[in-house]
Amino acid sequence: MIITVGVIAYNEKNSLGSLLKDICAQTYDHKKIEVLLVDSNSTDNTKVIMETFRKNNKADFYDIKVLSNPKRTQPCGWNVVLNNYSGDAVVRIDAHASIPSDFIEKNVTTLKDEYICGGFRPNIIDEKTPWKETLLLVETSMFGSSIAPYRRQQGKTYVNSLFHGAYKREVFDKVGFFNECLTRTEDNEMHYRIHKAGFKLCFNPEIISYQHTRNNLKSMIKQKFGNGKWIGLTLSVSPKCLSYYHFVPFLFVGGLLFTSLIALLGYPLLLEILLLLYSMFDFVNTVSCFTMRDIHPQFFLLPILFPMMHIAYGVGTIVGILEIPFWKRKLKKQRELEENNSKEEK
């Protein structure tokens, strides 16, 4: 089986080199691996790293291509891959990720009996400092992240969504390409369409890949806010592709706002109950985190960090919902502009 590895990158000079080394270390026959590297108009030397890799390693692989993604977003980048890959299957790998040497081999083995597969995606840090280990705990704990199967599932099963998934060509031939309107939830929407088309997503715990956690609090908060915002915007496009756990932070923030308003009117009981319940979950999960690793003084910030992430995500969802009408108008103008440009080219 010829398998295509697709990597989309924007300003990933600090992490891309490590991932490319991981690709070179794969145990699967390199003559059956096609590598498509897509640069999303990076302003650093990401594309130079890609071109250097292609020049130095092209003879070792089935093929290596460096492509451009002028629209810059993830779904547009993956559509560039889907328009150019020649493998029997394609696997998505995040540029800010790391893969063990048997990653492709185990995907290929699973794809012999499945159309789509994926596995565990633990979070890791680039260096073990007390602060980065604290942020890693926030990201990896169930209270801080989610109950998504690729984080916690223990056995081989079928799931609703995958991370770093591998897909046979027949899948995209049937369901089409990614929705380019969705910047961060494109995989949720695609997996929803895949399910509707009758395919199953196989989770195999033997397949493992790693995602690097954000290195600082500002980046992590920005990420959570952005994720929440796109959950809100996606409601206007494909609400059925979202799960209930995507809206837990939104309900928490909404509950805080509602009960705070009631408290200002002289009825603080509901707010007190909400804060008490949240504090209980916050405390229990903080204690649980203390048992996972060697304790650092920074761990005592966890009871503050957890609500910061939840509030950032929940506020993001509210902002996304409020921005829906403006976003729709923006998309309409973009489509009209693209249609006019297409007519002019003809």
C-alpha atoms as a PDB file:
ATOM      1  CA  MET A   1       0.000   0.000   0.000  1.00  0.00           C
ATOM      2  CA  ILE A   2       1.292   3.454  -0.960  1.00  0.00           C
ATOM      3  CA  ILE A   3       0.489   5.819   1.896  1.00  0.00           C
ATOM      4  CA  THR A   4       0.645   9.606   1.725  1.00  0.00           C
ATOM      5  CA  VAL A   5       1.751  11.623   4.749  1.00  0.00           C
ATOM      6  CA  GLY A   6       0.268  15.116   4.704  1.00  0.00           C
ATOM      7  CA  VAL A   7       1.722  17.890   6.869  1.00  0.00           C
ATOM      8  CA  ILE A   8       0.310  21.434   6.904  1.00  0.00           C
ATOM      9  CA  ALA A   9       2.542  24.074   8.497  1.00  0.00           C
ATOM     10  CA  TYR A  10       2.503  27.783   9.238  1.00  0.00           C
ATOM     11  CA  ASN A  11       5.553  29.251  10.993  1.00  0.00           C
ATOM     12  CA  GLU A  12       6.603  25.881  12.442  1.00  0.00           C
ATOM     13  CA  LYS A  13      10.381  26.231  12.106  1.00  0.00           C
ATOM     14  CA  ASN A  14      10.908  25.209  15.742  1.00  0.00           C
ATOM     15  CA  SER A  15       9.001  21.912  15.550  1.00  0.00           C
ATOM     16  CA  LEU A  16       8.905  20.874  11.889  1.00  0.00           C
ATOM     17  CA  GLY A  17      12.482  19.579  11.795  1.00  0.00           C
ATOM     18  CA  SER A  18      11.779  17.130  14.603  1.00  0.00           C
ATOM     19  CA  LEU A  19       8.679  15.793  12.839  1.00  0.00           C
ATOM     20  CA  LEU A  20      10.578  15.343   9.576  1.00  0.00           C
ATOM     21  CA  LYS A  21      13.179  13.300  11.451  1.00  0.00           C
ATOM     22  CA  ASP A  22      10.329  11.150  12.784  1.00  0.00           C
ATOM     23  CA  ILE A  23       9.128  10.574   9.213  1.00  0.00           C
ATOM     24  CA  CYS A  24      12.624   9.528   8.144  1.00  0.00           C
ATOM     25  CA  ALA A  25      12.749   7.061  11.047  1.00  0.00           C
ATOM     26  CA  GLN A  26       9.592   5.186   9.994  1.00  0.00           C
ATOM     27  CA  THR A  27       9.915   1.401   9.786  1.00  0.00           C
ATOM     28  CA  TYR A  28       7.442   1.171   6.897  1.00  0.00           C
ATOM     29  CA  ASP A  29       9.112   0.856   3.484  1.00  0.00           C
ATOM     30  CA  HIS A  30      10.046   4.422   2.492  1.00  0.00           C
ATOM     31  CA  LYS A  31       9.524   3.557  -1.166  1.00  0.00           C
ATOM     32  CA  LYS A  32       5.830   3.224  -0.293  1.00  0.00           C
ATOM     33  CA  ILE A  33       5.607   6.576   1.533  1.00  0.00           C
ATOM     34  CA  GLU A  34       4.684   9.777  -0.265  1.00  0.00           C
ATOM     35  CA  VAL A  35       5.299  12.969   1.727  1.00  0.00           C
ATOM     36  CA  LEU A  36       3.296  16.114   0.947  1.00  0.00           C
ATOM     37  CA  LEU A  37       4.491  19.198   2.825  1.00  0.00           C
ATOM     38  CA  VAL A  38       2.147  22.179   2.544  1.00  0.00           C
ATOM     39  CA  ASP A  39       3.324  25.644   3.542  1.00  0.00           C
ATOM     40  CA  SER A  40       0.578  28.112   4.479  1.00  0.00           C
ATOM     41  CA  ASN A  41       2.463  31.296   3.513  1.00  0.00           C
ATOM     42  CA  SER A  42       4.822  31.111   6.491  1.00  0.00           C
ATOM     43  CA  THR A  43       6.811  34.224   7.375  1.00  0.00           C
ATOM     44  CA  ASP A  44       9.698  32.257   8.898  1.00  0.00           C
ATOM     45  CA  ASN A  45      11.893  29.659   7.156  1.00  0.00           C
ATOM     46  CA  THR A  46       9.340  26.831   7.347  1.00  0.00           C
ATOM     47  CA  LYS A  47       9.249  26.472   3.575  1.00  0.00           C
ATOM     48  CA  VAL A  48      13.068  26.443   3.409  1.00  0.00           C
ATOM     49  CA  ILE A  49      13.083  23.526   5.860  1.00  0.00           C
ATOM     50  CA  MET A  50      10.542  21.732   3.666  1.00  0.00           C
ATOM     51  CA  GLU A  51      12.528  22.303   0.490  1.00  0.00           C
ATOM     52  CA  THR A  52      15.746  21.164   2.163  1.00  0.00           C
ATOM     53  CA  PHE A  53      14.042  17.988   3.343  1.00  0.00           C
ATOM     54  CA  ARG A  54      12.709  17.318  -0.155  1.00  0.00           C
ATOM     55  CA  LYS A  55      16.129  17.873  -1.742  1.00  0.00           C
ATOM     56  CA  ASN A  56      17.986  15.662   0.738  1.00  0.00           C
ATOM     57  CA  ASN A  57      15.494  12.801   0.995  1.00  0.00           C
ATOM     58  CA  LYS A  58      13.533  12.594  -2.271  1.00  0.00           C
ATOM     59  CA  ALA A  59      15.458   9.551  -3.493  1.00  0.00           C
ATOM     60  CA  ASP A  60      14.597   7.626  -0.336  1.00  0.00           C
ATOM     61  CA  PHE A  61      10.806   7.986  -0.570  1.00  0.00           C
ATOM     62  CA  TYR A  62       8.108   7.202  -3.116  1.00  0.00           C
ATOM     63  CA  ASP A  63       7.840  10.957  -3.619  1.00  0.00           C
ATOM     64  CA  ILE A  64       8.193  14.238  -1.700  1.00  0.00           C
ATOM     65  CA  LYS A  65       6.354  17.386  -2.746  1.00  0.00           C
ATOM     66  CA  VAL A  66       6.375  20.882  -1.281  1.00  0.00           C
ATOM     67  CA  LEU A  67       3.094  22.651  -1.977  1.00  0.00           C
ATOM     68  CA  SER A  68       1.608  26.045  -1.173  1.00  0.00           C
ATOM     69  CA  ASN A  69      -1.601  26.913   0.655  1.00  0.00           C
ATOM     70  CA  PRO A  70      -2.289  30.582  -0.199  1.00  0.00           C
ATOM     71  CA  LYS A  71      -5.543  30.596   1.801  1.00  0.00           C
ATOM     72  CA  ARG A  72      -3.508  29.646   4.901  1.00  0.00           C
ATOM     73  CA  THR A  73      -6.240  27.845   6.901  1.00  0.00           C
ATOM     74  CA  GLN A  74      -6.115  24.162   7.888  1.00  0.00           C
ATOM     75  CA  PRO A  75      -9.053  22.905   5.779  1.00  0.00           C
ATOM     76  CA  CYS A  76      -7.681  24.699   2.727  1.00  0.00           C
ATOM     77  CA  GLY A  77      -4.301  23.109   3.391  1.00  0.00           C
ATOM     78  CA  TRP A  78      -5.793  19.611   3.625  1.00  0.00           C
ATOM     79  CA  ASN A  79      -7.690  20.200   0.400  1.00  0.00           C
ATOM     80  CA  VAL A  80      -4.348  21.003  -1.233  1.00  0.00           C
ATOM     81  CA  VAL A  81      -3.185  17.573  -0.033  1.00  0.00           C
ATOM     82  CA  LEU A  82      -6.332  15.852  -1.319  1.00  0.00           C
ATOM     83  CA  ASN A  83      -5.929  17.518  -4.690  1.00  0.00           C
ATOM     84  CA  ASN A  84      -2.342  16.304  -5.060  1.00  0.00           C
ATOM     85  CA  TYR A  85      -1.802  12.982  -3.260  1.00  0.00           C
ATOM     86  CA  SER A  86      -1.288   9.765  -5.197  1.00  0.00           C
ATOM     87  CA  GLY A  87      -1.294   7.182  -2.387  1.00  0.00           C
ATOM     88  CA  ASP A  88      -3.851   4.488  -1.669  1.00  0.00           C
ATOM     89  CA  ALA A  89      -4.424   6.185   1.691  1.00  0.00           C
ATOM     90  CA  VAL A  90      -3.542   9.486   3.324  1.00  0.00           C
ATOM     91  CA  VAL A  91      -2.667  10.218   6.937  1.00  0.00           C
ATOM     92  CA  ARG A  92      -2.978  13.634   8.577  1.00  0.00           C
ATOM     93  CA  ILE A  93      -0.125  14.640  10.857  1.00  0.00           C
ATOM     94  CA  ASP A  94      -0.060  17.958  12.687  1.00  0.00           C
ATOM     95  CA  ALA A  95       3.145  19.956  12.179  1.00  0.00           C
ATOM     96  CA  HIS A  96       3.350  20.439  15.946  1.00  0.00           C
ATOM     97  CA  ALA A  97       3.386  16.692  16.570  1.00  0.00           C
ATOM     98  CA  SER A  98       5.704  13.740  17.049  1.00  0.00           C
ATOM     99  CA  ILE A  99       5.266  10.166  15.800  1.00  0.00           C
ATOM    100  CA  PRO A 100       7.019   6.933  16.860  1.00  0.00           C
ATOM    101  CA  SER A 101       8.910   4.903  14.257  1.00  0.00           C
ATOM    102  CA  ASP A 102       6.096   2.354  13.825  1.00  0.00           C
ATOM    103  CA  PHE A 103       3.303   4.937  13.412  1.00  0.00           C
ATOM    104  CA  ILE A 104       2.796   4.514   9.647  1.00  0.00           C
ATOM    105  CA  GLU A 105       3.339   0.760   9.778  1.00  0.00           C
ATOM    106  CA  LYS A 106       0.603   0.304  12.395  1.00  0.00           C
ATOM    107  CA  ASN A 107      -1.782   2.526  10.449  1.00  0.00           C
ATOM    108  CA  VAL A 108      -1.193   0.494   7.285  1.00  0.00           C
ATOM    109  CA  THR A 109      -1.774  -2.771   9.177  1.00  0.00           C
ATOM    110  CA  THR A 110      -5.070  -1.462  10.554  1.00  0.00           C
ATOM    111  CA  LEU A 111      -6.169  -0.138   7.159  1.00  0.00           C
ATOM    112  CA  LYS A 112      -6.036  -3.667   5.748  1.00  0.00           C
ATOM    113  CA  ASP A 113      -9.386  -4.272   7.466  1.00  0.00           C
ATOM    114  CA  GLU A 114     -10.666  -0.695   7.865  1.00  0.00           C
ATOM    115  CA  TYR A 115     -11.305   2.401   5.768  1.00  0.00           C
ATOM    116  CA  ILE A 116     -10.317   4.885   8.494  1.00  0.00           C
ATOM    117  CA  CYS A 117      -8.189   4.489  11.595  1.00  0.00           C
ATOM    118  CA  GLY A 118      -6.397   6.392  14.319  1.00  0.00           C
ATOM    119  CA  GLY A 119      -5.233   5.984  17.882  1.00  0.00           C
ATOM    120  CA  PHE A 120      -3.998   7.606  21.071  1.00  0.00           C
ATOM    121  CA  ARG A 121      -2.787  11.196  20.952  1.00  0.00           C
ATOM    122  CA  PRO A 122      -1.123  12.012  24.288  1.00  0.00           C
ATOM    123  CA  ASN A 123       0.168  15.533  24.907  1.00  0.00           C
ATOM    124  CA  ILE A 124       3.864  16.114  25.538  1.00  0.00           C
ATOM    125  CA  ILE A 125       6.172  19.045  26.343  1.00  0.00           C
ATOM    126  CA  ASP A 126       9.437  19.965  24.650  1.00  0.00           C
ATOM    127  CA  GLU A 127      11.309  20.337  27.938  1.00  0.00           C
ATOM    128  CA  LYS A 128      10.575  19.313  31.512  1.00  0.00           C
ATOM    129  CA  THR A 129      10.249  22.528  33.474  1.00  0.00           C
ATOM    130  CA  PRO A 130       7.864  22.832  36.460  1.00  0.00           C
ATOM    131  CA  TRP A 131       5.711  25.405  34.664  1.00  0.00           C
ATOM    132  CA  LYS A 132       5.447  23.434  31.433  1.00  0.00           C
ATOM    133  CA  GLU A 133       4.585  20.291  33.390  1.00  0.00           C
ATOM    134  CA  THR A 134       1.829  22.265  35.099  1.00  0.00           C
ATOM    135  CA  LEU A 135       0.384  23.359  31.742  1.00  0.00           C
ATOM    136  CA  LEU A 136       0.671  19.763  30.542  1.00  0.00           C
ATOM    137  CA  LEU A 137      -1.441  18.618  33.500  1.00  0.00           C
ATOM    138  CA  VAL A 138      -4.093  21.187  32.607  1.00  0.00           C
ATOM    139  CA  GLU A 139      -4.176  19.885  29.043  1.00  0.00           C
ATOM    140  CA  THR A 140      -4.114  16.167  29.809  1.00  0.00           C
ATOM    141  CA  SER A 141      -6.513  15.949  32.744  1.00  0.00           C
ATOM    142  CA  MET A 142     -10.128  15.089  31.964  1.00  0.00           C
ATOM    143  CA  PHE A 143     -11.293  18.228  33.789  1.00  0.00           C
ATOM    144  CA  GLY A 144      -8.948  20.447  31.815  1.00  0.00           C
ATOM    145  CA  SER A 145      -9.364  18.977  28.340  1.00  0.00           C
ATOM    146  CA  SER A 146     -12.125  16.572  27.342  1.00  0.00           C
ATOM    147  CA  ILE A 147     -13.316  12.984  27.171  1.00  0.00           C
ATOM    148  CA  ALA A 148     -12.458  12.598  23.485  1.00  0.00           C
ATOM    149  CA  PRO A 149     -11.623   8.939  22.666  1.00  0.00           C
ATOM    150  CA  TYR A 150      -8.186   9.709  21.213  1.00  0.00           C
ATOM    151  CA  ARG A 151      -7.227  10.967  24.688  1.00  0.00           C
ATOM    152  CA  ARG A 152      -8.642   8.178  26.866  1.00  0.00           C
ATOM    153  CA  GLN A 153     -10.101   5.149  25.025  1.00  0.00           C
ATOM    154  CA  GLN A 154      -8.547   1.914  26.263  1.00  0.00           C
ATOM    155  CA  GLY A 155      -9.518  -0.706  23.661  1.00  0.00           C
ATOM    156  CA  LYS A 156     -10.033  -1.072  19.928  1.00  0.00           C
ATOM    157  CA  THR A 157     -13.464   0.280  19.006  1.00  0.00           C
ATOM    158  CA  TYR A 158     -15.336   2.614  16.624  1.00  0.00           C
ATOM    159  CA  VAL A 159     -15.578   6.291  17.508  1.00  0.00           C
ATOM    160  CA  ASN A 160     -17.072   9.564  16.268  1.00  0.00           C
ATOM    161  CA  SER A 161     -13.804  11.425  15.755  1.00  0.00           C
ATOM    162  CA  LEU A 162     -10.068  10.801  15.436  1.00  0.00           C
ATOM    163  CA  PHE A 163      -6.859  12.791  15.624  1.00  0.00           C
ATOM    164  CA  HIS A 164      -4.003  12.158  13.144  1.00  0.00           C
ATOM    165  CA  GLY A 165      -6.351   9.844  11.262  1.00  0.00           C
ATOM    166  CA  ALA A 166      -5.498   7.680   8.253  1.00  0.00           C
ATOM    167  CA  TYR A 167      -8.049   7.440   5.421  1.00  0.00           C
ATOM    168  CA  LYS A 168      -8.247   5.207   2.379  1.00  0.00           C
ATOM    169  CA  ARG A 169      -8.729   6.996  -0.928  1.00  0.00           C
ATOM    170  CA  GLU A 170     -12.270   5.640  -1.271  1.00  0.00           C
ATOM    171  CA  VAL A 171     -13.379   7.759   1.698  1.00  0.00           C
ATOM    172  CA  PHE A 172     -12.675  11.179   0.181  1.00  0.00           C
ATOM    173  CA  ASP A 173     -13.724   9.971  -3.260  1.00  0.00           C
ATOM    174  CA  LYS A 174     -17.184   9.439  -1.758  1.00  0.00           C
ATOM    175  CA  VAL A 175     -17.585  12.267   0.784  1.00  0.00           C
ATOM    176  CA  GLY A 176     -15.641  15.033  -0.931  1.00  0.00           C
ATOM    177  CA  PHE A 177     -13.186  17.549   0.474  1.00  0.00           C
ATOM    178  CA  PHE A 178     -13.018  19.575   3.696  1.00  0.00           C
ATOM    179  CA  ASN A 179     -15.359  22.489   4.303  1.00  0.00           C
ATOM    180  CA  GLU A 180     -13.085  25.498   3.869  1.00  0.00           C
ATOM    181  CA  CYS A 181     -15.419  27.746   5.872  1.00  0.00           C
ATOM    182  CA  LEU A 182     -14.499  25.956   9.110  1.00  0.00           C
ATOM    183  CA  THR A 183     -11.029  26.848  10.339  1.00  0.00           C
ATOM    184  CA  ARG A 184     -10.847  24.659  13.471  1.00  0.00           C
ATOM    185  CA  THR A 185     -13.809  22.301  13.358  1.00  0.00           C
ATOM    186  CA  GLU A 186     -13.250  21.014   9.843  1.00  0.00           C
ATOM    187  CA  ASP A 187     -12.375  17.539  11.156  1.00  0.00           C
ATOM    188  CA  ASN A 188     -15.610  17.311  13.184  1.00  0.00           C
ATOM    189  CA  GLU A 189     -17.672  18.232  10.146  1.00  0.00           C
ATOM    190  CA  MET A 190     -15.741  15.854   7.893  1.00  0.00           C
ATOM    191  CA  HIS A 191     -16.120  12.953  10.319  1.00  0.00           C
ATOM    192  CA  TYR A 192     -19.843  13.648  10.547  1.00  0.00           C
ATOM    193  CA  ARG A 193     -20.131  13.382   6.752  1.00  0.00           C
ATOM    194  CA  ILE A 194     -17.992  10.239   6.791  1.00  0.00           C
ATOM    195  CA  HIS A 195     -20.408   8.621   9.244  1.00  0.00           C
ATOM    196  CA  LYS A 196     -23.383   9.656   7.115  1.00  0.00           C
ATOM    197  CA  ALA A 197     -21.703   8.033   4.105  1.00  0.00           C
ATOM    198  CA  GLY A 198     -21.619   4.709   5.971  1.00  0.00           C
ATOM    199  CA  PHE A 199     -17.944   4.548   6.962  1.00  0.00           C
ATOM    200  CA  LYS A 200     -16.695   3.688  10.457  1.00  0.00           C
ATOM    201  CA  LEU A 201     -13.790   5.334  12.276  1.00  0.00           C
ATOM    202  CA  CYS A 202     -11.649   2.654  13.909  1.00  0.00           C
ATOM    203  CA  PHE A 203      -9.773   3.560  17.078  1.00  0.00           C
ATOM    204  CA  ASN A 204      -6.749   1.295  17.568  1.00  0.00           C
ATOM    205  CA  PRO A 205      -4.877   1.919  20.861  1.00  0.00           C
ATOM    206  CA  GLU A 206      -1.714   0.425  19.345  1.00  0.00           C
ATOM    207  CA  ILE A 207      -1.453   3.505  17.098  1.00  0.00           C
ATOM    208  CA  ILE A 208       0.151   6.367  19.022  1.00  0.00           C
ATOM    209  CA  SER A 209       1.135   9.900  18.083  1.00  0.00           C
ATOM    210  CA  TYR A 210       2.004  12.884  20.253  1.00  0.00           C
ATOM    211  CA  GLN A 211       0.894  16.509  20.294  1.00  0.00           C
ATOM    212  CA  HIS A 212       3.062  19.246  21.791  1.00  0.00           C
ATOM    213  CA  THR A 213       1.277  21.277  24.469  1.00  0.00           C
ATOM    214  CA  ARG A 214       1.350  25.069  24.206  1.00  0.00           C
ATOM    215  CA  ASN A 215       4.465  26.377  25.968  1.00  0.00           C
ATOM    216  CA  ASN A 216       2.923  29.356  27.772  1.00  0.00           C
ATOM    217  CA  LEU A 217      -0.322  30.357  29.430  1.00  0.00           C
ATOM    218  CA  LYS A 218      -1.149  33.113  26.931  1.00  0.00           C
ATOM    219  CA  SER A 219      -0.948  30.712  23.977  1.00  0.00           C
ATOM    220  CA  MET A 220      -3.047  28.106  25.766  1.00  0.00           C
ATOM    221  CA  ILE A 221      -5.776  30.618  26.667  1.00  0.00           C
ATOM    222  CA  LYS A 222      -5.765  31.930  23.087  1.00  0.00           C
ATOM    223  CA  GLN A 223      -6.100  28.365  21.791  1.00  0.00           C
ATOM    224  CA  LYS A 224      -9.025  27.566  24.106  1.00  0.00           C
ATOM    225  CA  PHE A 225     -10.796  30.799  23.186  1.00  0.00           C
ATOM    226  CA  GLY A 226     -10.328  30.085  19.473  1.00  0.00           C
ATOM    227  CA  ASN A 227     -11.558  26.503  19.826  1.00  0.00           C
ATOM    228  CA  GLY A 228     -14.645  27.695  21.670  1.00  0.00           C
ATOM    229  CA  LYS A 229     -15.303  30.426  19.115  1.00  0.00           C
ATOM    230  CA  TRP A 230     -15.305  27.945  16.247  1.00  0.00           C
ATOM    231  CA  ILE A 231     -17.700  25.685  18.131  1.00  0.00           C
ATOM    232  CA  GLY A 232     -20.097  28.640  18.231  1.00  0.00           C
ATOM    233  CA  LEU A 233     -19.644  29.472  14.537  1.00  0.00           C
ATOM    234  CA  THR A 234     -20.024  25.823  13.498  1.00  0.00           C
ATOM    235  CA  LEU A 235     -23.527  25.770  14.983  1.00  0.00           C
ATOM    236  CA  SER A 236     -24.660  27.755  11.946  1.00  0.00           C
ATOM    237  CA  VAL A 237     -23.092  25.311   9.471  1.00  0.00           C
ATOM    238  CA  SER A 238     -23.268  21.786  10.860  1.00  0.00           C
ATOM    239  CA  PRO A 239     -24.584  21.586  14.454  1.00  0.00           C
ATOM    240  CA  LYS A 240     -24.950  17.800  14.292  1.00  0.00           C
ATOM    241  CA  CYS A 241     -21.194  17.343  13.939  1.00  0.00           C
ATOM    242  CA  LEU A 242     -20.680  18.655  17.477  1.00  0.00           C
ATOM    243  CA  SER A 243     -20.953  16.650  20.697  1.00  0.00           C
ATOM    244  CA  TYR A 244     -22.466  17.654  24.032  1.00  0.00           C
ATOM    245  CA  TYR A 245     -19.059  17.989  25.703  1.00  0.00           C
ATOM    246  CA  HIS A 246     -18.163  20.815  23.302  1.00  0.00           C
ATOM    247  CA  PHE A 247     -20.748  22.973  25.093  1.00  0.00           C
ATOM    248  CA  VAL A 248     -19.942  22.261  28.750  1.00  0.00           C
ATOM    249  CA  PRO A 249     -17.719  25.397  29.121  1.00  0.00           C
ATOM    250  CA  PHE A 250     -20.407  27.445  27.352  1.00  0.00           C
ATOM    251  CA  LEU A 251     -23.049  26.221  29.804  1.00  0.00           C
ATOM    252  CA  PHE A 252     -20.716  26.943  32.721  1.00  0.00           C
ATOM    253  CA  VAL A 253     -20.041  30.520  31.611  1.00  0.00           C
ATOM    254  CA  GLY A 254     -23.720  31.022  30.758  1.00  0.00           C
ATOM    255  CA  GLY A 255     -24.657  29.707  34.188  1.00  0.00           C
ATOM    256  CA  LEU A 256     -22.182  32.092  35.825  1.00  0.00           C
ATOM    257  CA  LEU A 257     -23.636  35.064  33.969  1.00  0.00           C
ATOM    258  CA  PHE A 258     -27.240  34.106  34.711  1.00  0.00           C
ATOM    259  CA  THR A 259     -26.745  33.316  38.407  1.00  0.00           C
ATOM    260  CA  SER A 260     -24.603  36.456  38.869  1.00  0.00           C
ATOM    261  CA  LEU A 261     -27.468  38.533  37.466  1.00  0.00           C
ATOM    262  CA  ILE A 262     -29.898  36.826  39.817  1.00  0.00           C
ATOM    263  CA  ALA A 263     -27.492  37.461  42.703  1.00  0.00           C
ATOM    264  CA  LEU A 264     -27.386  41.180  41.880  1.00  0.00           C
ATOM    265  CA  LEU A 265     -31.164  41.180  42.164  1.00  0.00           C
ATOM    266  CA  GLY A 266     -30.857  39.873  45.703  1.00  0.00           C
ATOM    267  CA  TYR A 267     -30.986  36.091  45.204  1.00  0.00           C
ATOM    268  CA  PRO A 268     -27.406  34.761  45.554  1.00  0.00           C
ATOM    269  CA  LEU A 269     -28.294  31.123  46.335  1.00  0.00           C
ATOM    270  CA  LEU A 270     -28.038  29.811  42.749  1.00  0.00           C
ATOM    271  CA  LEU A 271     -24.651  31.462  42.254  1.00  0.00           C
ATOM    272  CA  GLU A 272     -23.403  30.048  45.548  1.00  0.00           C
ATOM    273  CA  ILE A 273     -24.543  26.533  44.581  1.00  0.00           C
ATOM    274  CA  LEU A 274     -22.897  26.769  41.142  1.00  0.00           C
ATOM    275  CA  LEU A 275     -19.610  28.006  42.614  1.00  0.00           C
ATOM    276  CA  LEU A 276     -19.699  25.333  45.308  1.00  0.00           C
ATOM    277  CA  LEU A 277     -20.252  22.525  42.796  1.00  0.00           C
ATOM    278  CA  TYR A 278     -17.534  23.818  40.481  1.00  0.00           C
ATOM    279  CA  SER A 279     -15.118  24.255  43.377  1.00  0.00           C
ATOM    280  CA  MET A 280     -15.705  20.643  44.401  1.00  0.00           C
ATOM    281  CA  PHE A 281     -14.846  19.381  40.891  1.00  0.00           C
ATOM    282  CA  ASP A 282     -11.905  21.771  40.748  1.00  0.00           C
ATOM    283  CA  PHE A 283     -10.523  20.526  44.063  1.00  0.00           C
ATOM    284  CA  VAL A 284     -10.998  16.815  43.329  1.00  0.00           C
ATOM    285  CA  ASN A 285      -9.322  17.072  39.928  1.00  0.00           C
ATOM    286  CA  THR A 286      -6.477  19.149  41.325  1.00  0.00           C
ATOM    287  CA  VAL A 287      -5.804  16.501  43.971  1.00  0.00           C
ATOM    288  CA  SER A 288      -5.931  13.849  41.232  1.00  0.00           C
ATOM    289  CA  CYS A 289      -3.304  15.765  39.237  1.00  0.00           C
ATOM    290  CA  PHE A 290      -1.028  15.857  42.266  1.00  0.00           C
ATOM    291  CA  THR A 291      -0.956  12.057  42.211  1.00  0.00           C
ATOM    292  CA  MET A 292       0.052  11.873  38.534  1.00  0.00           C
ATOM    293  CA  ARG A 293       3.531  13.428  38.736  1.00  0.00           C
ATOM    294  CA  ASP A 294       6.231  14.632  41.082  1.00  0.00           C
ATOM    295  CA  ILE A 295       4.813  17.678  42.839  1.00  0.00           C
ATOM    296  CA  HIS A 296       6.048  21.154  41.929  1.00  0.00           C
ATOM    297  CA  PRO A 297       5.001  24.402  43.674  1.00  0.00           C
ATOM    298  CA  GLN A 298       3.380  25.549  40.406  1.00  0.00           C
ATOM    299  CA  PHE A 299       0.817  22.740  40.741  1.00  0.00           C
ATOM    300  CA  PHE A 300      -0.909  24.808  43.419  1.00  0.00           C
ATOM    301  CA  LEU A 301      -1.997  27.127  40.593  1.00  0.00           C
ATOM    302  CA  LEU A 302      -4.126  24.366  39.037  1.00  0.00           C
ATOM    303  CA  PRO A 303      -7.345  25.435  40.852  1.00  0.00           C
ATOM    304  CA  ILE A 304      -6.940  28.796  39.099  1.00  0.00           C
ATOM    305  CA  LEU A 305      -5.749  27.497  35.736  1.00  0.00           C
ATOM    306  CA  PHE A 306      -8.684  25.114  35.263  1.00  0.00           C
ATOM    307  CA  PRO A 307     -11.386  27.823  35.445  1.00  0.00           C
ATOM    308  CA  MET A 308      -9.269  30.114  33.252  1.00  0.00           C
ATOM    309  CA  MET A 309      -9.324  27.488  30.469  1.00  0.00           C
ATOM    310  CA  HIS A 310     -13.044  26.773  30.911  1.00  0.00           C
ATOM    311  CA  ILE A 311     -13.986  30.454  30.926  1.00  0.00           C
ATOM    312  CA  ALA A 312     -11.792  31.187  27.865  1.00  0.00           C
ATOM    313  CA  TYR A 313     -13.452  28.334  25.946  1.00  0.00           C
ATOM    314  CA  GLY A 314     -16.965  29.251  27.104  1.00  0.00           C
ATOM    315  CA  VAL A 315     -16.538  32.952  26.325  1.00  0.00           C
ATOM    316  CA  GLY A 316     -15.164  31.963  22.930  1.00  0.00           C
ATOM    317  CA  THR A 317     -18.311  29.950  22.196  1.00  0.00           C
ATOM    318  CA  ILE A 318     -20.522  32.894  23.183  1.00  0.00           C
ATOM    319  CA  VAL A 319     -18.487  35.217  20.959  1.00  0.00           C
ATOM    320  CA  GLY A 320     -18.738  32.724  18.100  1.00  0.00           C
ATOM    321  CA  ILE A 321     -22.517  32.510  18.391  1.00  0.00           C
ATOM    322  CA  LEU A 322     -22.813  36.316  18.476  1.00  0.00           C
ATOM    323  CA  GLU A 323     -20.571  36.623  15.411  1.00  0.00           C
ATOM    324  CA  ILE A 324     -22.574  34.197  13.252  1.00  0.00           C
ATOM    325  CA  PRO A 325     -24.523  36.841  11.250  1.00  0.00           C
ATOM    326  CA  PHE A 326     -21.373  38.909  10.582  1.00  0.00           C
ATOM    327  CA  TRP A 327     -19.403  35.781   9.670  1.00  0.00           C
ATOM    328  CA  LYS A 328     -22.143  34.672   7.261  1.00  0.00           C
ATOM    329  CA  ARG A 329     -22.048  38.028   5.502  1.00  0.00           C
ATOM    330  CA  LYS A 330     -18.255  37.829   5.273  1.00  0.00           C
ATOM    331  CA  LEU A 331     -18.445  34.356   3.718  1.00  0.00           C
ATOM    332  CA  LYS A 332     -21.041  35.574   1.228  1.00  0.00           C
ATOM    333  CA  LYS A 333     -18.806  38.453   0.140  1.00  0.00           C
ATOM    334  CA  GLN A 334     -15.835  36.091  -0.209  1.00  0.00           C
ATOM    335  CA  ARG A 335     -17.845  33.729  -2.402  1.00  0.00           C
ATOM    336  CA  GLU A 336     -19.047  36.600  -4.570  1.00  0.00           C
ATOM    337  CA  LEU A 337     -15.474  37.874  -4.931  1.00  0.00           C
ATOM    338  CA  GLU A 338     -14.176  34.417  -5.866  1.00  0.00           C
ATOM    339  CA  GLU A 339     -16.967  34.002  -8.418  1.00  0.00           C
ATOM    340  CA  ASN A 340     -16.180  37.404  -9.969  1.00  0.00           C
ATOM    341  CA  ASN A 341     -12.464  36.591 -10.126  1.00  0.00           C
ATOM    342  CA  SER A 342     -13.258  33.252 -11.722  1.00  0.00           C
ATOM    343  CA  LYS A 343     -15.401  34.939 -14.375  1.00  0.00           C
ATOM    344  CA  GLU A 344     -12.666  37.471 -15.112  1.00  0.00           C
ATOM    345  CA  GLU A 345     -10.082  34.697 -15.543  1.00  0.00           C
ATOM    346  CA  LYS A 346     -12.339  32.981 -18.091  1.00  0.00           C
END
